[in-house]
C-alpha atoms as a PDB file:
ATOM      1  CA  UNK A   1      -6.519 -69.889 -37.301  1.00  0.00           C
ATOM      2  CA  UNK A   2      -3.885 -67.707 -39.578  1.00  0.00           C
ATOM      3  CA  UNK A   3      -0.497 -68.313 -39.205  1.00  0.00           C
ATOM      4  CA  UNK A   4       1.063 -64.885 -38.921  1.00  0.00           C
ATOM      5  CA  UNK A   5       3.747 -63.311 -41.648  1.00  0.00           C
ATOM      6  CA  UNK A   6       7.652 -63.318 -39.512  1.00  0.00           C
ATOM      7  CA  UNK A   7       8.033 -60.381 -39.402  1.00  0.00           C
ATOM      8  CA  UNK A   8       4.582 -58.780 -39.505  1.00  0.00           C
ATOM      9  CA  UNK A   9       3.638 -56.347 -36.502  1.00  0.00           C
ATOM     10  CA  UNK A  10       1.790 -56.074 -33.775  1.00  0.00           C
ATOM     11  CA  UNK A  11       0.453 -52.819 -32.121  1.00  0.00           C
ATOM     12  CA  UNK A  12      -1.143 -51.902 -29.129  1.00  0.00           C
ATOM     13  CA  UNK A  13      -2.846 -48.242 -28.518  1.00  0.00           C
ATOM     14  CA  UNK A  14      -2.278 -46.374 -25.399  1.00  0.00           C
ATOM     15  CA  UNK A  15      -4.659 -43.382 -24.318  1.00  0.00           C
ATOM     16  CA  UNK A  16      -3.110 -41.055 -25.222  1.00  0.00           C
ATOM     17  CA  UNK A  17      -3.559 -41.602 -28.435  1.00  0.00           C
ATOM     18  CA  UNK A  18       0.374 -42.733 -29.188  1.00  0.00           C
ATOM     19  CA  UNK A  19       0.426 -46.090 -30.726  1.00  0.00           C
ATOM     20  CA  UNK A  20       3.772 -48.945 -29.727  1.00  0.00           C
ATOM     21  CA  UNK A  21       4.761 -51.206 -32.217  1.00  0.00           C
ATOM     22  CA  UNK A  22       6.992 -54.559 -30.826  1.00  0.00           C
ATOM     23  CA  UNK A  23       8.168 -56.784 -34.013  1.00  0.00           C
ATOM     24  CA  UNK A  24       7.070 -60.889 -33.695  1.00  0.00           C
ATOM     25  CA  UNK A  25       9.776 -61.253 -31.510  1.00  0.00           C
ATOM     26  CA  UNK A  26       9.190 -58.999 -29.463  1.00  0.00           C
ATOM     27  CA  UNK A  27       5.669 -60.304 -27.896  1.00  0.00           C
ATOM     28  CA  UNK A  28       7.133 -62.227 -25.147  1.00  0.00           C
ATOM     29  CA  UNK A  29       5.440 -61.578 -21.422  1.00  0.00           C
ATOM     30  CA  UNK A  30       9.112 -59.655 -20.548  1.00  0.00           C
ATOM     31  CA  UNK A  31       9.688 -57.859 -23.088  1.00  0.00           C
ATOM     32  CA  UNK A  32       5.665 -55.803 -23.112  1.00  0.00           C
ATOM     33  CA  UNK A  33       6.796 -55.326 -19.098  1.00  0.00           C
ATOM     34  CA  UNK A  34       9.944 -53.441 -19.668  1.00  0.00           C
ATOM     35  CA  UNK A  35       8.304 -51.392 -22.634  1.00  0.00           C
ATOM     36  CA  UNK A  36       5.736 -50.930 -19.238  1.00  0.00           C
ATOM     37  CA  UNK A  37       8.299 -50.162 -17.753  1.00  0.00           C
ATOM     38  CA  UNK A  38       9.279 -47.794 -19.354  1.00  0.00           C
ATOM     39  CA  UNK A  39       6.632 -46.337 -20.511  1.00  0.00           C
ATOM     40  CA  UNK A  40       6.584 -45.366 -16.415  1.00  0.00           C
ATOM     41  CA  UNK A  41       9.363 -43.833 -16.409  1.00  0.00           C
ATOM     42  CA  UNK A  42       8.486 -41.587 -19.696  1.00  0.00           C
ATOM     43  CA  UNK A  43       5.243 -40.648 -17.393  1.00  0.00           C
ATOM     44  CA  UNK A  44       6.867 -39.902 -14.430  1.00  0.00           C
ATOM     45  CA  UNK A  45       9.156 -37.573 -16.178  1.00  0.00           C
ATOM     46  CA  UNK A  46       6.583 -35.798 -18.442  1.00  0.00           C
ATOM     47  CA  UNK A  47       4.377 -35.589 -15.076  1.00  0.00           C
ATOM     48  CA  UNK A  48       7.674 -33.882 -13.076  1.00  0.00           C
ATOM     49  CA  UNK A  49       8.233 -32.076 -16.229  1.00  0.00           C
ATOM     50  CA  UNK A  50       4.587 -30.523 -15.862  1.00  0.00           C
ATOM     51  CA  UNK A  51       4.883 -29.906 -12.133  1.00  0.00           C
ATOM     52  CA  UNK A  52       7.347 -28.098 -12.416  1.00  0.00           C
ATOM     53  CA  UNK A  53       6.193 -26.250 -15.543  1.00  0.00           C
ATOM     54  CA  UNK A  54       3.176 -25.564 -13.042  1.00  0.00           C
ATOM     55  CA  UNK A  55       4.964 -24.535 -10.001  1.00  0.00           C
ATOM     56  CA  UNK A  56       7.063 -21.972 -12.357  1.00  0.00           C
ATOM     57  CA  UNK A  57       3.717 -20.711 -13.911  1.00  0.00           C
ATOM     58  CA  UNK A  58       2.090 -20.143 -10.408  1.00  0.00           C
ATOM     59  CA  UNK A  59       4.923 -18.839  -9.133  1.00  0.00           C
ATOM     60  CA  UNK A  60       5.482 -16.416 -12.204  1.00  0.00           C
ATOM     61  CA  UNK A  61       1.353 -15.655 -11.896  1.00  0.00           C
ATOM     62  CA  UNK A  62       2.281 -14.751  -8.285  1.00  0.00           C
ATOM     63  CA  UNK A  63       5.043 -12.230  -8.883  1.00  0.00           C
ATOM     64  CA  UNK A  64       2.999 -10.366 -11.842  1.00  0.00           C
ATOM     65  CA  UNK A  65       0.144  -9.866  -9.307  1.00  0.00           C
ATOM     66  CA  UNK A  66       2.923  -8.502  -6.861  1.00  0.00           C
ATOM     67  CA  UNK A  67       4.337  -6.630  -9.250  1.00  0.00           C
ATOM     68  CA  UNK A  68       1.018  -4.987 -10.521  1.00  0.00           C
ATOM     69  CA  UNK A  69       0.004  -4.302  -6.428  1.00  0.00           C
ATOM     70  CA  UNK A  70       3.901  -2.461  -6.019  1.00  0.00           C
ATOM     71  CA  UNK A  71       3.791  -0.485  -8.802  1.00  0.00           C
ATOM     72  CA  UNK A  72      -0.147   1.127  -7.394  1.00  0.00           C
ATOM     73  CA  UNK A  73       0.894   1.573  -4.238  1.00  0.00           C
ATOM     74  CA  UNK A  74       3.611   3.487  -5.378  1.00  0.00           C
ATOM     75  CA  UNK A  75       1.517   5.003  -7.955  1.00  0.00           C
ATOM     76  CA  UNK A  76      -0.680   5.802  -4.963  1.00  0.00           C
ATOM     77  CA  UNK A  77       2.369   6.530  -2.450  1.00  0.00           C
ATOM     78  CA  UNK A  78       3.635   9.305  -5.296  1.00  0.00           C
ATOM     79  CA  UNK A  79       0.931  10.892  -5.355  1.00  0.00           C
ATOM     80  CA  UNK A  80       0.128  11.468  -2.035  1.00  0.00           C
ATOM     81  CA  UNK A  81       3.448  13.062  -2.116  1.00  0.00           C
ATOM     82  CA  UNK A  82       3.177  15.176  -4.848  1.00  0.00           C
ATOM     83  CA  UNK A  83       0.088  16.466  -3.384  1.00  0.00           C
ATOM     84  CA  UNK A  84       1.870  16.858  -0.007  1.00  0.00           C
ATOM     85  CA  UNK A  85       4.948  18.268  -2.100  1.00  0.00           C
ATOM     86  CA  UNK A  86       2.316  21.428  -3.208  1.00  0.00           C
ATOM     87  CA  UNK A  87       0.902  21.357   0.112  1.00  0.00           C
ATOM     88  CA  UNK A  88       3.552  22.505   1.792  1.00  0.00           C
ATOM     89  CA  UNK A  89       4.689  25.711  -0.445  1.00  0.00           C
ATOM     90  CA  UNK A  90       1.382  26.432   0.120  1.00  0.00           C
ATOM     91  CA  UNK A  91       0.685  25.986   3.948  1.00  0.00           C
ATOM     92  CA  UNK A  92       2.836  29.400   4.383  1.00  0.00           C
ATOM     93  CA  UNK A  93       0.107  31.458   3.255  1.00  0.00           C
ATOM     94  CA  UNK A  94      -2.867  29.852   5.144  1.00  0.00           C
ATOM     95  CA  UNK A  95      -0.511  30.209   8.091  1.00  0.00           C
ATOM     96  CA  UNK A  96      -0.282  34.354   7.038  1.00  0.00           C
ATOM     97  CA  UNK A  97      -3.837  34.291   6.859  1.00  0.00           C
ATOM     98  CA  UNK A  98      -4.767  32.883  10.680  1.00  0.00           C
ATOM     99  CA  UNK A  99      -1.431  34.859  11.636  1.00  0.00           C
ATOM    100  CA  UNK A 100      -3.506  38.178  10.102  1.00  0.00           C
ATOM    101  CA  UNK A 101      -6.562  37.416  11.389  1.00  0.00           C
ATOM    102  CA  UNK A 102      -5.736  36.556  14.507  1.00  0.00           C
ATOM    103  CA  UNK A 103      -4.372  39.636  15.605  1.00  0.00           C
ATOM    104  CA  UNK A 104      -5.671  42.483  17.553  1.00  0.00           C
ATOM    105  CA  UNK A 105      -5.529  44.977  14.675  1.00  0.00           C
ATOM    106  CA  UNK A 106      -7.792  42.723  12.453  1.00  0.00           C
ATOM    107  CA  UNK A 107     -10.966  44.086  14.027  1.00  0.00           C
ATOM    108  CA  UNK A 108     -10.189  47.451  13.190  1.00  0.00           C
ATOM    109  CA  UNK A 109      -9.832  47.009   9.275  1.00  0.00           C
ATOM    110  CA  UNK A 110     -12.564  47.994   7.205  1.00  0.00           C
ATOM    111  CA  UNK A 111     -15.756  45.317   7.439  1.00  0.00           C
ATOM    112  CA  UNK A 112     -16.407  44.643   3.146  1.00  0.00           C
ATOM    113  CA  UNK A 113     -12.042  44.085   2.994  1.00  0.00           C
ATOM    114  CA  UNK A 114     -11.902  41.791   6.126  1.00  0.00           C
ATOM    115  CA  UNK A 115     -15.199  39.731   4.612  1.00  0.00           C
ATOM    116  CA  UNK A 116     -13.065  39.489   1.474  1.00  0.00           C
ATOM    117  CA  UNK A 117      -9.973  38.403   2.852  1.00  0.00           C
ATOM    118  CA  UNK A 118     -11.584  35.897   5.184  1.00  0.00           C
ATOM    119  CA  UNK A 119     -13.628  34.588   2.354  1.00  0.00           C
ATOM    120  CA  UNK A 120     -10.158  33.917   0.340  1.00  0.00           C
ATOM    121  CA  UNK A 121      -8.606  32.433   3.437  1.00  0.00           C
ATOM    122  CA  UNK A 122     -11.936  30.337   3.227  1.00  0.00           C
ATOM    123  CA  UNK A 123     -12.296  29.375  -0.551  1.00  0.00           C
ATOM    124  CA  UNK A 124      -7.899  27.744  -0.086  1.00  0.00           C
ATOM    125  CA  UNK A 125      -8.874  26.431   2.548  1.00  0.00           C
ATOM    126  CA  UNK A 126     -11.310  24.526   0.940  1.00  0.00           C
ATOM    127  CA  UNK A 127      -9.115  22.985  -1.903  1.00  0.00           C
ATOM    128  CA  UNK A 128      -7.112  21.509   0.664  1.00  0.00           C
ATOM    129  CA  UNK A 129      -9.593  19.738   2.103  1.00  0.00           C
ATOM    130  CA  UNK A 130     -10.595  19.150  -0.895  1.00  0.00           C
ATOM    131  CA  UNK A 131      -6.965  17.201  -2.067  1.00  0.00           C
ATOM    132  CA  UNK A 132      -7.566  15.344   1.256  1.00  0.00           C
ATOM    133  CA  UNK A 133      -6.296  18.004   3.569  1.00  0.00           C
ATOM    134  CA  UNK A 134      -6.803  18.343   7.072  1.00  0.00           C
ATOM    135  CA  UNK A 135      -5.733  20.562   9.612  1.00  0.00           C
ATOM    136  CA  UNK A 136      -5.340  19.326  13.124  1.00  0.00           C
ATOM    137  CA  UNK A 137      -3.551  20.946  16.685  1.00  0.00           C
ATOM    138  CA  UNK A 138      -6.659  22.408  18.655  1.00  0.00           C
ATOM    139  CA  UNK A 139      -6.266  23.298  22.506  1.00  0.00           C
ATOM    140  CA  UNK A 140      -7.623  20.771  24.389  1.00  0.00           C
ATOM    141  CA  UNK A 141      -6.312  17.553  22.023  1.00  0.00           C
ATOM    142  CA  UNK A 142      -4.188  14.762  23.936  1.00  0.00           C
ATOM    143  CA  UNK A 143      -0.517  14.977  23.118  1.00  0.00           C
ATOM    144  CA  UNK A 144       0.769  12.870  20.876  1.00  0.00           C
ATOM    145  CA  UNK A 145       4.766  13.045  20.176  1.00  0.00           C
ATOM    146  CA  UNK A 146       3.909  11.611  16.558  1.00  0.00           C
ATOM    147  CA  UNK A 147       2.254  14.352  15.280  1.00  0.00           C
ATOM    148  CA  UNK A 148       2.798  17.678  17.790  1.00  0.00           C
ATOM    149  CA  UNK A 149       6.066  19.289  17.901  1.00  0.00           C
ATOM    150  CA  UNK A 150       6.250  20.315  21.843  1.00  0.00           C
ATOM    151  CA  UNK A 151       7.927  23.703  21.882  1.00  0.00           C
ATOM    152  CA  UNK A 152       6.883  24.507  26.085  1.00  0.00           C
ATOM    153  CA  UNK A 153       5.728  22.943  28.970  1.00  0.00           C
ATOM    154  CA  UNK A 154       3.095  25.058  31.456  1.00  0.00           C
ATOM    155  CA  UNK A 155       2.371  23.400  34.371  1.00  0.00           C
ATOM    156  CA  UNK A 156      -1.221  22.635  35.201  1.00  0.00           C
ATOM    157  CA  UNK A 157      -3.092  21.566  38.620  1.00  0.00           C
ATOM    158  CA  UNK A 158      -6.040  20.275  36.631  1.00  0.00           C
ATOM    159  CA  UNK A 159      -5.650  16.122  36.380  1.00  0.00           C
ATOM    160  CA  UNK A 160      -7.572  16.076  32.935  1.00  0.00           C
ATOM    161  CA  UNK A 161      -5.168  18.646  31.283  1.00  0.00           C
ATOM    162  CA  UNK A 162      -2.286  16.796  32.058  1.00  0.00           C
ATOM    163  CA  UNK A 163      -0.230  16.205  28.432  1.00  0.00           C
ATOM    164  CA  UNK A 164      -2.789  17.806  26.601  1.00  0.00           C
ATOM    165  CA  UNK A 165      -2.500  21.627  24.723  1.00  0.00           C
ATOM    166  CA  UNK A 166      -2.281  24.460  26.440  1.00  0.00           C
ATOM    167  CA  UNK A 167      -1.924  26.308  22.627  1.00  0.00           C
ATOM    168  CA  UNK A 168      -1.570  26.071  19.873  1.00  0.00           C
ATOM    169  CA  UNK A 169       1.760  27.766  17.917  1.00  0.00           C
ATOM    170  CA  UNK A 170       0.853  26.723  14.637  1.00  0.00           C
ATOM    171  CA  UNK A 171      -1.557  24.009  13.384  1.00  0.00           C
ATOM    172  CA  UNK A 172      -0.076  21.174  12.243  1.00  0.00           C
ATOM    173  CA  UNK A 173      -1.184  19.176   8.383  1.00  0.00           C
ATOM    174  CA  UNK A 174      -1.724  15.808   7.418  1.00  0.00           C
ATOM    175  CA  UNK A 175      -3.205  14.556   3.226  1.00  0.00           C
ATOM    176  CA  UNK A 176      -4.754  11.408   3.468  1.00  0.00           C
ATOM    177  CA  UNK A 177      -2.688  10.254   6.888  1.00  0.00           C
ATOM    178  CA  UNK A 178       0.553  11.109   5.932  1.00  0.00           C
ATOM    179  CA  UNK A 179       2.296  13.451   8.047  1.00  0.00           C
ATOM    180  CA  UNK A 180       3.321  17.471   6.013  1.00  0.00           C
ATOM    181  CA  UNK A 181       4.222  19.044   9.196  1.00  0.00           C
ATOM    182  CA  UNK A 182       3.445  18.672  12.912  1.00  0.00           C
ATOM    183  CA  UNK A 183       1.686  20.794  14.791  1.00  0.00           C
ATOM    184  CA  UNK A 184       3.704  23.318  17.219  1.00  0.00           C
ATOM    185  CA  UNK A 185       2.051  22.990  20.540  1.00  0.00           C
ATOM    186  CA  UNK A 186       2.376  24.204  24.500  1.00  0.00           C
ATOM    187  CA  UNK A 187       1.635  21.138  26.598  1.00  0.00           C
ATOM    188  CA  UNK A 188      -0.079  21.410  29.939  1.00  0.00           C
ATOM    189  CA  UNK A 189       1.486  19.026  32.279  1.00  0.00           C
ATOM    190  CA  UNK A 190       1.114  18.515  36.215  1.00  0.00           C
ATOM    191  CA  UNK A 191       3.995  19.329  38.118  1.00  0.00           C
ATOM    192  CA  UNK A 192       6.050  16.652  40.692  1.00  0.00           C
ATOM    193  CA  UNK A 193       5.120  18.057  44.427  1.00  0.00           C
ATOM    194  CA  UNK A 194       8.660  18.830  46.051  1.00  0.00           C
END
C-alpha cells in the first residue's frame, strides 16, 4: 500500500467533463457531501437559467412568427385598399356606360357606334373582374343592410318579395370581399293591414 503525500490532490471526474479537485484534507465524507450539495445548487441554478433562456427564445420566436403574419396581412390589406381606391375612381365611368346603355335613346344610336361602345364597356368590366372586383345588386336579391343602401320602400302583396330588392338605382361593388360602394336600391315590403 502506497502512502500518499501530505498535500497530494485527489481528483473526481464529473459527467460534464469538469473535474473537482480536492485537497487531501478535504476528503472526508462531510466534505464530499458539502461539495455535492454545492454542485446540486449550481446545477439547479444552471437549469433554471436554461429554462428562462429557452422560454425567452420561444417567446421571441412566437413574436417573430406573429410579426411576420401581421406584416403579410397588412400587405394584403394595403393591396386590397389600393385596388379599392382605383376602383372607386373608375366606378363613375362604369355608371356612365350603364346609364347611357339603359337610356331609351340608346336603341336609336348608329349600330356600329353602339356595338363599339358596348365592347369598350365590356372590356372595362372584364378588367375590373380580373382585379377581383364583383358587381352586386340585382332585382329579387334579399335586402342586406350591410351591402345595400335602401333609398325607398315600395309596397308589395307577395310574401316572397318581402324585404327583397324591387329596383336597383345604382350597382354596388366589392373587391375581394371588401365593400367599395353599397348598391342603392328600392326595397319591397309587405305593408301592415290597418
